[in-house]
Protein backbone atom coordinates (compact mmCIF):
# COMPACT_ATOMS: atom_id res chain seq x y z
CA MET A 1 9.43 1.45 -23.30
CA THR A 2 10.56 0.06 -19.96
CA PRO A 3 7.45 -0.71 -17.77
CA LYS A 4 7.35 1.55 -14.72
CA PRO A 5 6.55 0.11 -11.40
CA ILE A 6 3.05 0.64 -9.90
CA PHE A 7 3.34 1.19 -6.13
CA VAL A 8 1.05 2.33 -3.44
CA ARG A 9 1.72 4.79 -0.82
CA SER A 10 -0.64 7.56 0.59
CA ALA A 11 0.40 11.10 1.36
CA VAL A 12 -0.70 13.25 4.31
CA GLY A 13 -2.82 16.27 4.58
CA PHE A 14 -4.80 18.06 7.25
CA LEU A 15 -5.10 14.66 9.02
CA ALA A 16 -1.35 14.77 9.59
CA PHE A 17 -1.44 18.15 11.28
CA CYS A 18 -4.30 16.95 13.56
CA CYS A 19 -2.32 13.92 14.48
CA LEU A 20 1.07 15.45 14.72
CA THR A 21 -0.27 18.50 16.79
CA THR A 22 -1.65 15.98 19.20
CA LEU A 23 1.67 14.02 19.44
CA SER A 24 4.04 16.89 18.90
CA SER A 25 6.92 17.42 21.33
CA SER A 26 9.56 20.19 21.50
CA GLN A 27 12.58 19.71 19.29
CA GLN A 28 15.45 22.04 18.60
CA PHE A 29 15.02 23.31 15.04
CA THR A 30 18.05 25.15 13.66
CA SER A 31 18.10 27.71 10.82
CA PHE A 32 20.52 25.35 9.00
CA GLU A 33 17.96 22.52 9.25
CA ARG A 34 15.09 24.87 8.16
CA ASP A 35 17.15 25.74 5.07
CA GLN A 36 17.64 22.05 4.29
CA VAL A 37 13.85 21.52 4.39
CA GLN A 38 13.38 24.51 2.11
CA ILE A 39 15.74 22.92 -0.30
CA MET A 40 13.70 19.54 -0.05
CA LEU A 41 10.64 21.46 -1.00
CA ARG A 42 12.31 23.34 -3.96
CA ASP A 43 13.70 20.10 -5.47
CA VAL A 44 10.47 17.98 -5.14
CA ALA A 45 8.18 20.98 -6.11
CA SER A 46 10.21 21.66 -9.19
CA ASP A 47 9.99 17.96 -10.42
CA ILE A 48 6.30 17.94 -9.71
CA LYS A 49 5.80 20.99 -11.87
CA LYS A 50 7.81 19.44 -14.78
CA ARG A 51 6.65 15.81 -14.49
CA TYR A 52 3.19 15.65 -12.88
CA TYR A 53 0.80 13.97 -15.27
CA ASP A 54 -1.97 16.66 -15.00
CA PRO A 55 -0.49 20.03 -16.04
CA ASN A 56 -3.45 21.71 -14.27
CA PHE A 57 -2.65 19.90 -11.01
CA HIS A 58 -6.36 19.17 -10.55
CA GLY A 59 -7.17 22.85 -10.14
CA VAL A 60 -4.51 23.42 -7.49
CA ASP A 61 -2.50 26.51 -8.05
CA TRP A 62 0.79 24.77 -7.58
CA ASP A 63 3.07 27.83 -7.42
CA ALA A 64 0.76 29.34 -4.75
CA LYS A 65 0.85 26.11 -2.89
CA VAL A 66 4.63 26.03 -2.98
CA ARG A 67 4.81 29.75 -1.68
CA GLU A 68 2.35 28.85 1.07
CA THR A 69 4.44 25.87 2.07
CA LYS A 70 7.69 27.92 2.14
CA GLY A 71 5.92 30.19 4.60
CA ALA A 72 4.79 27.34 6.66
CA ILE A 73 8.23 25.91 6.94
CA ASP A 74 9.54 29.33 8.03
CA LYS A 75 7.05 29.18 10.88
CA ALA A 76 7.55 25.51 11.95
CA ASN A 77 8.84 24.87 15.25
CA SER A 78 10.40 21.41 14.61
CA MET A 79 11.94 19.44 11.71
CA THR A 80 8.97 16.92 11.92
CA MET A 81 6.43 19.72 11.44
CA ALA A 82 8.55 21.27 8.62
CA LEU A 83 8.66 17.85 6.86
CA ALA A 84 4.91 17.45 7.50
CA ASP A 85 4.45 20.83 5.68
CA VAL A 86 6.24 19.45 2.58
CA ALA A 87 4.22 16.23 2.79
CA ALA A 88 0.96 18.21 3.09
CA ALA A 89 1.73 20.22 -0.11
CA LEU A 90 2.08 16.93 -2.11
CA ASP A 91 -1.15 15.76 -0.44
CA SER A 92 -3.06 18.72 -1.74
CA LEU A 93 -3.00 17.03 -5.14
CA ARG A 94 -5.15 14.14 -3.69
CA ASP A 95 -3.13 11.63 -5.63
CA SER A 96 -2.34 8.17 -4.18
CA HIS A 97 0.94 7.85 -5.87
CA THR A 98 2.35 11.33 -5.42
CA PHE A 99 3.97 11.63 -2.01
CA PHE A 100 6.99 12.94 -0.16
CA GLU A 101 9.58 10.52 1.16
CA PRO A 102 11.15 12.21 4.09
CA PRO A 103 14.70 11.53 5.27
CA GLY A 104 15.02 8.15 6.96
CA ARG A 105 14.96 7.86 10.73
CA TYR A 106 17.48 6.09 12.94
CA TYR A 107 15.06 3.56 14.32
CA LEU A 108 12.62 1.07 13.02
CA TYR A 109 9.38 0.78 14.84
CA ASP A 110 7.33 -2.40 15.22
CA TYR A 111 3.91 -1.79 16.90
CA GLY A 112 3.30 -5.53 17.26
CA PHE A 113 -0.04 -5.73 15.62
CA LYS A 114 -1.75 -5.14 12.19
CA MET A 115 -5.02 -3.40 11.49
CA GLN A 116 -7.07 -3.20 8.32
CA MET A 117 -10.21 -1.63 7.05
CA ILE A 118 -13.00 -4.21 6.43
CA GLY A 119 -15.97 -2.57 4.78
CA ASP A 120 -16.18 0.81 6.54
CA HIS A 121 -14.83 -0.35 9.93
CA CYS A 122 -11.18 -0.73 11.07
CA TYR A 123 -10.24 -4.08 12.87
CA ILE A 124 -7.11 -5.52 14.46
CA THR A 125 -6.26 -8.59 12.30
CA LEU A 126 -2.98 -9.82 13.74
CA VAL A 127 -1.24 -9.53 17.05
CA ARG A 128 2.39 -10.63 17.45
CA PRO A 129 2.94 -12.85 20.49
CA GLY A 130 5.10 -11.50 23.23
CA THR A 131 4.75 -7.92 22.24
CA ASP A 132 3.36 -5.02 24.32
CA ALA A 133 0.25 -5.12 22.06
CA GLN A 134 -0.44 -8.72 23.28
CA ILE A 135 0.31 -7.86 26.82
CA LYS A 136 -2.09 -4.99 26.67
CA GLY A 137 -4.81 -7.24 25.46
CA LEU A 138 -5.17 -6.52 21.77
CA LYS A 139 -6.84 -9.40 19.91
CA PRO A 140 -7.93 -10.01 16.24
CA GLY A 141 -11.45 -8.81 15.90
CA ASP A 142 -11.06 -5.77 18.10
CA GLU A 143 -12.52 -2.77 16.32
CA VAL A 144 -10.25 0.27 16.19
CA THR A 145 -12.43 3.23 16.88
CA LYS A 146 -9.66 5.76 17.11
CA VAL A 147 -5.88 5.89 16.37
CA VAL A 148 -4.60 8.70 18.61
CA ASP A 149 -7.70 11.01 18.29
CA ILE A 150 -8.51 10.10 14.65
CA LEU A 151 -11.45 7.99 13.60
CA PRO A 152 -10.16 5.49 10.83
CA THR A 153 -12.01 5.67 7.63
CA ARG A 154 -11.56 4.29 4.18
CA ASP A 155 -10.33 7.70 3.02
CA ASN A 156 -7.86 8.52 5.75
CA PHE A 157 -6.53 5.08 6.71
CA PRO A 158 -3.60 5.13 4.24
CA LYS A 159 -2.69 8.50 5.60
CA LEU A 160 -2.66 7.20 9.06
CA LEU A 161 -0.22 4.43 7.96
CA TYR A 162 1.97 7.07 6.15
CA ILE A 163 2.25 9.04 9.39
CA LEU A 164 2.82 5.99 11.68
CA TYR A 165 5.34 4.19 9.55
CA VAL A 166 7.03 6.87 7.34
CA LEU A 167 6.40 10.50 8.44
CA TRP A 168 6.51 10.10 12.20
CA PRO A 169 6.68 6.69 13.81
CA GLN A 170 5.65 6.64 17.44
CA GLN A 171 7.35 5.12 20.48
CA GLU A 172 3.94 4.82 21.97
CA LEU A 173 0.63 4.70 20.06
CA ARG A 174 -2.74 5.37 21.66
CA LEU A 175 -5.70 3.34 20.49
CA SER A 176 -9.41 3.27 21.25
CA LEU A 177 -10.87 -0.17 20.80
CA ARG A 178 -14.26 -1.92 20.89
CA GLY A 179 -14.23 -5.57 21.80
CA PRO A 180 -16.67 -8.21 20.57
CA ASP A 181 -18.69 -7.57 23.81
CA ASP A 182 -19.17 -3.88 22.51
CA ALA A 183 -17.12 -2.77 25.63
CA ASP A 184 -14.92 0.17 24.84
CA ARG A 185 -11.37 0.63 26.11
CA GLN A 186 -8.25 2.66 25.46
CA VAL A 187 -4.64 1.30 25.41
CA ALA A 188 -1.20 2.79 24.83
CA ILE A 189 1.05 0.46 22.89
CA ALA A 190 4.73 0.60 23.24
CA ALA A 191 6.60 0.05 19.97
CA LYS A 192 9.67 -2.29 19.74
CA THR A 193 12.43 -0.25 18.24
CA ARG A 194 15.71 -1.15 16.49
CA GLU A 195 18.52 1.28 15.83
CA LEU A 196 19.92 1.92 12.40
CA PRO A 197 23.30 3.34 11.57
CA HIS A 198 23.33 7.18 12.15
CA VAL A 199 25.58 8.66 9.61
CA ILE A 200 25.49 9.04 5.93
CA ASP A 201 28.52 10.68 4.19
CA GLN A 202 29.82 11.08 0.81
CA ALA A 203 31.68 7.76 0.96
CA ALA A 204 28.47 5.95 1.64
CA ILE A 205 26.33 7.49 -1.10
CA GLY A 206 26.38 4.26 -3.03
CA ILE A 207 24.78 2.61 0.08
CA MET A 208 21.39 4.14 0.96
CA GLY A 209 22.04 3.63 4.62
CA PRO A 210 19.13 4.74 6.97
CA GLY A 211 17.21 6.50 4.13
CA ILE A 212 13.53 6.19 3.47
CA TYR A 213 14.07 3.40 0.99
CA ASP A 214 15.82 1.28 3.58
CA THR A 215 13.11 1.98 6.04
CA ILE A 216 10.44 0.97 3.55
CA ARG A 217 12.28 -2.03 2.25
CA GLU A 218 13.19 -3.30 5.66
CA ARG A 219 9.64 -2.97 6.85
CA ASP A 220 8.28 -4.75 3.71
CA ASN A 221 10.82 -7.57 4.10
CA ARG A 222 9.78 -8.05 7.70
CA GLU A 223 6.05 -7.83 7.14
CA ARG A 224 5.53 -9.52 3.82
CA SER A 225 6.99 -12.57 2.08
CA ARG A 226 7.10 -12.11 -1.67
CA GLN A 227 6.93 -15.83 -2.29
CA VAL A 228 3.76 -17.12 -4.14
CA ARG A 229 1.98 -19.81 -2.10
CA TYR A 230 -0.31 -22.58 -3.28
CA ALA A 231 -3.06 -24.73 -1.90
CA GLU A 232 -4.58 -27.58 -4.05
CA ARG A 233 -7.88 -29.51 -3.99
CA GLY A 234 -6.94 -32.37 -6.37
CA ASP A 235 -7.25 -31.36 -9.95
CA GLU A 236 -10.39 -29.36 -9.25
CA LEU A 237 -8.98 -26.23 -7.61
CA LEU A 238 -5.73 -24.43 -7.18
CA ILE A 239 -5.66 -21.52 -4.70
CA VAL A 240 -2.77 -19.07 -5.53
CA LYS A 241 -1.83 -16.50 -2.87
CA LEU A 242 0.05 -13.61 -4.72
CA PRO A 243 1.34 -11.11 -2.20
CA LEU A 244 3.13 -8.79 -4.60
CA PHE A 245 3.46 -8.22 -8.33
CA ALA A 246 7.28 -8.71 -8.26
CA LEU A 247 7.73 -11.79 -10.47
CA THR A 248 9.98 -12.33 -13.44
CA PRO A 249 8.29 -13.61 -16.67
CA THR A 250 9.87 -16.97 -15.93
CA GLU A 251 8.30 -17.01 -12.54
CA VAL A 252 4.91 -16.14 -13.99
CA ASP A 253 5.22 -18.88 -16.55
CA SER A 254 5.84 -21.29 -13.63
CA MET A 255 2.72 -20.09 -11.87
CA VAL A 256 0.56 -20.26 -14.96
CA GLU A 257 1.84 -23.75 -15.61
CA LYS A 258 0.61 -24.84 -12.18
CA MET A 259 -2.73 -23.15 -12.92
CA ARG A 260 -3.09 -25.08 -16.19
CA LYS A 261 -3.23 -28.34 -14.29
CA HIS A 262 -6.41 -27.42 -12.60
CA SER A 263 -9.98 -26.82 -13.78
CA ALA A 264 -10.37 -23.73 -11.52
CA VAL A 265 -8.28 -21.21 -9.76
CA VAL A 266 -8.79 -18.81 -6.92
CA LEU A 267 -6.31 -16.02 -7.25
CA ASP A 268 -5.90 -14.35 -3.90
CA VAL A 269 -4.54 -10.77 -4.19
CA ARG A 270 -5.97 -9.64 -0.91
CA GLY A 271 -3.32 -7.39 0.87
CA ASN A 272 -1.43 -7.16 -2.41
CA PRO A 273 -0.14 -3.46 -2.84
CA GLY A 274 0.69 -3.81 -6.51
CA GLY A 275 4.20 -4.02 -8.07
CA SER A 276 5.37 -3.91 -11.60
CA VAL A 277 3.52 -3.42 -14.81
CA GLU A 278 5.54 -6.23 -16.42
CA THR A 279 4.40 -8.83 -13.90
CA LEU A 280 0.85 -7.62 -14.43
CA GLN A 281 1.12 -8.03 -18.24
CA SER A 282 2.81 -11.44 -18.05
CA LEU A 283 0.11 -12.76 -15.70
CA LEU A 284 -2.84 -11.39 -17.82
CA GLY A 285 -1.16 -12.89 -20.90
CA GLY A 286 -1.19 -16.24 -19.15
CA ILE A 287 -4.94 -16.35 -18.35
CA PHE A 288 -6.33 -14.83 -21.59
CA GLU A 289 -6.65 -16.82 -24.94
CA THR A 290 -6.23 -13.54 -27.00
CA ASP A 291 -4.44 -10.22 -26.44
CA VAL A 292 -6.16 -8.03 -23.88
CA LYS A 293 -6.16 -4.20 -23.48
CA ILE A 294 -5.81 -3.17 -19.86
CA GLY A 295 -6.36 0.53 -20.48
CA ASN A 296 -4.76 3.69 -21.61
CA ARG A 297 -1.98 5.74 -20.03
CA VAL A 298 -3.15 9.33 -19.75
CA GLY A 299 -0.55 12.00 -18.94
CA ARG A 300 1.38 14.85 -20.46
CA SER A 301 2.63 12.67 -23.25
CA PRO A 302 0.35 11.37 -25.93
CA THR A 303 -2.08 8.69 -24.67
CA LYS A 304 -0.55 5.15 -24.94
CA PRO A 305 -2.30 1.91 -24.68
CA LEU A 306 -1.41 -0.59 -21.83
CA ALA A 307 -1.99 -4.16 -23.00
CA ALA A 308 -1.10 -7.81 -22.37
CA ASN A 309 -0.02 -10.16 -25.10
CA SER A 310 -1.61 -13.65 -24.84
CA ARG A 311 0.70 -16.66 -24.92
CA HIS A 312 -2.21 -18.77 -26.17
CA ASN A 313 -1.22 -21.79 -24.01
CA GLY A 314 -2.20 -20.39 -20.66
CA PHE A 315 -4.77 -21.22 -18.07
CA LYS A 316 -8.22 -21.54 -19.59
CA GLY A 317 -10.30 -22.80 -16.60
CA LYS A 318 -12.68 -21.03 -14.20
CA LEU A 319 -11.20 -18.09 -12.34
CA ILE A 320 -12.20 -16.20 -9.16
CA VAL A 321 -10.00 -13.20 -7.95
CA LEU A 322 -10.08 -12.29 -4.23
CA VAL A 323 -9.66 -8.55 -3.26
CA ASP A 324 -9.92 -6.59 -0.12
CA SER A 325 -9.38 -2.92 1.06
CA GLN A 326 -5.62 -3.44 0.81
CA SER A 327 -5.55 -4.70 -2.83
CA SER A 328 -4.10 -1.90 -4.60
CA SER A 329 -2.65 -0.63 -7.99
CA ALA A 330 -1.72 -3.63 -10.07
CA SER A 331 -4.03 -5.84 -8.09
CA GLU A 332 -6.93 -3.65 -8.92
CA LEU A 333 -6.08 -3.45 -12.66
CA LEU A 334 -6.04 -7.28 -12.72
CA ALA A 335 -9.25 -7.56 -10.97
CA ARG A 336 -11.04 -4.91 -13.11
CA VAL A 337 -9.73 -6.51 -16.32
CA ILE A 338 -11.20 -9.79 -15.33
CA GLN A 339 -14.52 -8.16 -14.67
CA ILE A 340 -14.62 -6.11 -17.85
CA GLU A 341 -13.57 -9.01 -20.12
CA LYS A 342 -15.88 -11.30 -18.25
CA ARG A 343 -13.07 -13.80 -17.68
CA GLY A 344 -14.03 -14.54 -14.18
CA LEU A 345 -15.53 -13.16 -11.01
CA VAL A 346 -14.20 -10.95 -8.23
CA VAL A 347 -15.08 -11.68 -4.66
CA GLY A 348 -14.38 -9.84 -1.32
CA ASP A 349 -14.28 -6.22 -0.27
CA ARG A 350 -13.97 -3.11 -2.38
CA SER A 351 -10.34 -2.47 -3.40
CA SER A 352 -8.41 0.48 -2.20
CA GLY A 353 -8.80 2.80 -5.31
CA ARG A 354 -5.06 3.62 -5.51
CA VAL A 355 -4.21 3.13 -9.08
CA MET A 356 -1.73 5.37 -10.97
CA GLU A 357 1.63 5.00 -12.57
CA SER A 358 4.38 6.77 -10.95
CA GLN A 359 8.12 7.22 -10.93
CA HIS A 360 10.31 7.46 -7.77
CA TYR A 361 12.94 10.22 -7.63
CA ASN A 362 15.96 10.33 -5.35
CA TYR A 363 17.46 13.58 -3.90
CA ARG A 364 20.11 14.40 -1.47
CA VAL A 365 21.09 17.68 0.36
CA GLY A 366 24.15 18.61 2.12
CA MET A 367 27.91 18.31 1.59
CA GLY A 368 30.14 15.89 3.44
CA THR A 369 27.31 14.49 5.52
CA VAL A 370 24.37 14.04 3.10
CA ILE A 371 20.67 13.72 3.80
CA LEU A 372 18.78 11.49 1.42
CA TYR A 373 15.11 11.92 0.63
CA GLY A 374 12.79 11.26 -2.19
CA ALA A 375 9.30 11.62 -3.83
CA SER A 376 6.96 9.48 -5.80
CA ILE A 377 5.44 11.40 -8.74
CA THR A 378 2.45 10.33 -10.77
CA GLU A 379 3.26 10.39 -14.49
CA ALA A 380 0.08 8.78 -15.83
CA ASP A 381 -3.42 7.86 -14.92
CA ILE A 382 -4.70 4.49 -16.20
CA LYS A 383 -8.14 4.74 -17.84
CA MET A 384 -9.68 1.33 -18.14
CA THR A 385 -11.42 0.24 -21.38
CA ASP A 386 -14.79 1.32 -19.90
CA GLY A 387 -13.37 4.91 -19.85
CA GLN A 388 -13.11 4.98 -15.99
CA SER A 389 -10.10 5.45 -13.74
CA LEU A 390 -9.94 3.22 -10.65
CA GLU A 391 -8.23 6.06 -8.60
CA ARG A 392 -10.39 6.89 -5.53
CA ARG A 393 -13.07 4.40 -6.86
CA GLY A 394 -11.51 0.91 -6.59
CA VAL A 395 -12.99 -2.31 -7.75
CA ASN A 396 -16.43 -3.27 -6.59
CA PRO A 397 -16.50 -7.08 -6.17
CA ASP A 398 -19.21 -9.16 -8.01
CA THR A 399 -19.84 -10.80 -4.65
CA LEU A 400 -19.34 -8.66 -1.52
CA ILE A 401 -18.32 -10.77 1.40
CA LEU A 402 -16.78 -9.36 4.63
CA PRO A 403 -15.14 -11.22 7.52
CA THR A 404 -16.87 -10.38 10.80
CA ALA A 405 -15.12 -9.64 14.03
CA SER A 406 -15.83 -13.15 15.09
CA ASP A 407 -14.26 -14.56 11.97
CA LEU A 408 -11.14 -12.52 12.74
CA ALA A 409 -11.04 -13.60 16.33
CA ASN A 410 -11.40 -17.19 15.43
CA GLY A 411 -9.10 -17.33 12.39
CA ARG A 412 -11.85 -18.04 9.84
CA ASP A 413 -11.80 -16.96 6.14
CA PRO A 414 -15.38 -16.90 4.86
CA VAL A 415 -14.30 -15.13 1.70
CA LEU A 416 -12.00 -17.91 0.43
CA ALA A 417 -14.50 -20.58 1.59
CA HIS A 418 -17.29 -18.85 -0.32
CA ALA A 419 -15.16 -18.56 -3.47
CA ALA A 420 -14.33 -22.29 -3.28
CA GLU A 421 -17.94 -23.13 -2.91
CA MET A 422 -18.78 -21.04 -5.99
CA LEU A 423 -16.28 -23.40 -7.84
CA ASN A 424 -18.07 -26.42 -6.31
CA VAL A 425 -15.26 -27.21 -3.94
CA LYS A 426 -16.01 -27.49 -0.20
CA ILE A 427 -13.51 -25.82 2.17
CA SER A 428 -14.71 -24.61 5.58
CA PRO A 429 -14.09 -21.09 6.79
CA GLU A 430 -11.81 -22.55 9.53
CA GLU A 431 -9.77 -24.50 7.02
CA SER A 432 -9.55 -21.70 4.63
CA GLY A 433 -8.11 -19.48 7.46
CA SER A 434 -5.37 -21.93 8.16
CA LEU A 435 -4.17 -22.46 4.51
CA PHE A 436 -1.80 -19.40 4.39
CA PRO A 437 -0.81 -18.59 8.03
CA TYR A 438 0.94 -15.33 8.53
CA VAL A 439 4.63 -15.79 9.57
CA TRP A 440 6.05 -13.10 11.73
CA PRO A 441 9.55 -12.23 10.64
CA LYS A 442 12.51 -13.22 12.69
CA GLU A 443 13.87 -10.35 14.80
């Protein structure tokens, strides 16, 4: 069986309607466009009915939900709201890996900053120099108390990102902030935009053009390097920064070979959204002396085990895995297997709790000029060997350590520093924060 990719993307529900209603503007919405959205709903809903891993849809009457959504599309006053209706239908399943991929937009939006949930609070973590965000005074360590009129929480934060980056990117984004001095302020951040090609026709079907995949791929390429990075402290410690599970078996072998030369390893998967099952299996096979079971795939098909085969010449030293609220999917499976099998310790923040196995489906509507869209549909849940699923639960670290607002403001990384200290290696929080600097992509 060809391993399927594990990706993370959140859907949208009532939150989207709150946000979109606040931000909505008048748009001309023709009957032809409305019919196109109905076709999108029909195609995606049909595949969900056939392929979704839970034939009972978690108690949702799927046929009734589709009928309700058809009615909502008939009443929608804009293309954006109609697409949000489709997205909300999929969100009713409350599944992190089942979501609608609307047609791509003609512009890429860069807000010039990054934010993240740390514990139960949302903070600015990075601000790009020269952007409107910097000009308006955003700084790492600022707490984000509202995005538009929404209070960011652990539950809704991925939905906010889905809205802002996929469903409806904003030319201007309103934020409510609380600084280190506890002073509250509001700012409106202008996004930097880049125009994409405007037309997809039959001759260009082989090239995705400005479809959702290009939007996601472009954003990912600009925001995150896939290259594994390393920091050494003699033979005592190797720190491995793994941003994505997207390595070939040969690349994993190379990483494990570097690990074998050290008595201890800190494997940093903070911010890692997951990736391929194959990479996960290869990596686990390189850090366990015997074959290890990851869990069971549970879906409409008979339950199948998911395991990693040991290569018997892998890394045998001490191991600590770092996770945070953005560690998702394959990252969480890795961390939880390490815990269950007592192979090492997990340090940091509770992980995202978005762990399912899904398949992406591509669709198109129209003749001549074609609109491309898609959907991710969960085809299996992963039950760990303790009988539990990580979906909506996440991995609770063995040692909980959260950066403070002051740490963020001053570039300190107390999580990595503490992990190194647990392995009898001294690295200050200041030095830890400088080991893997974020490199903003070239414009």
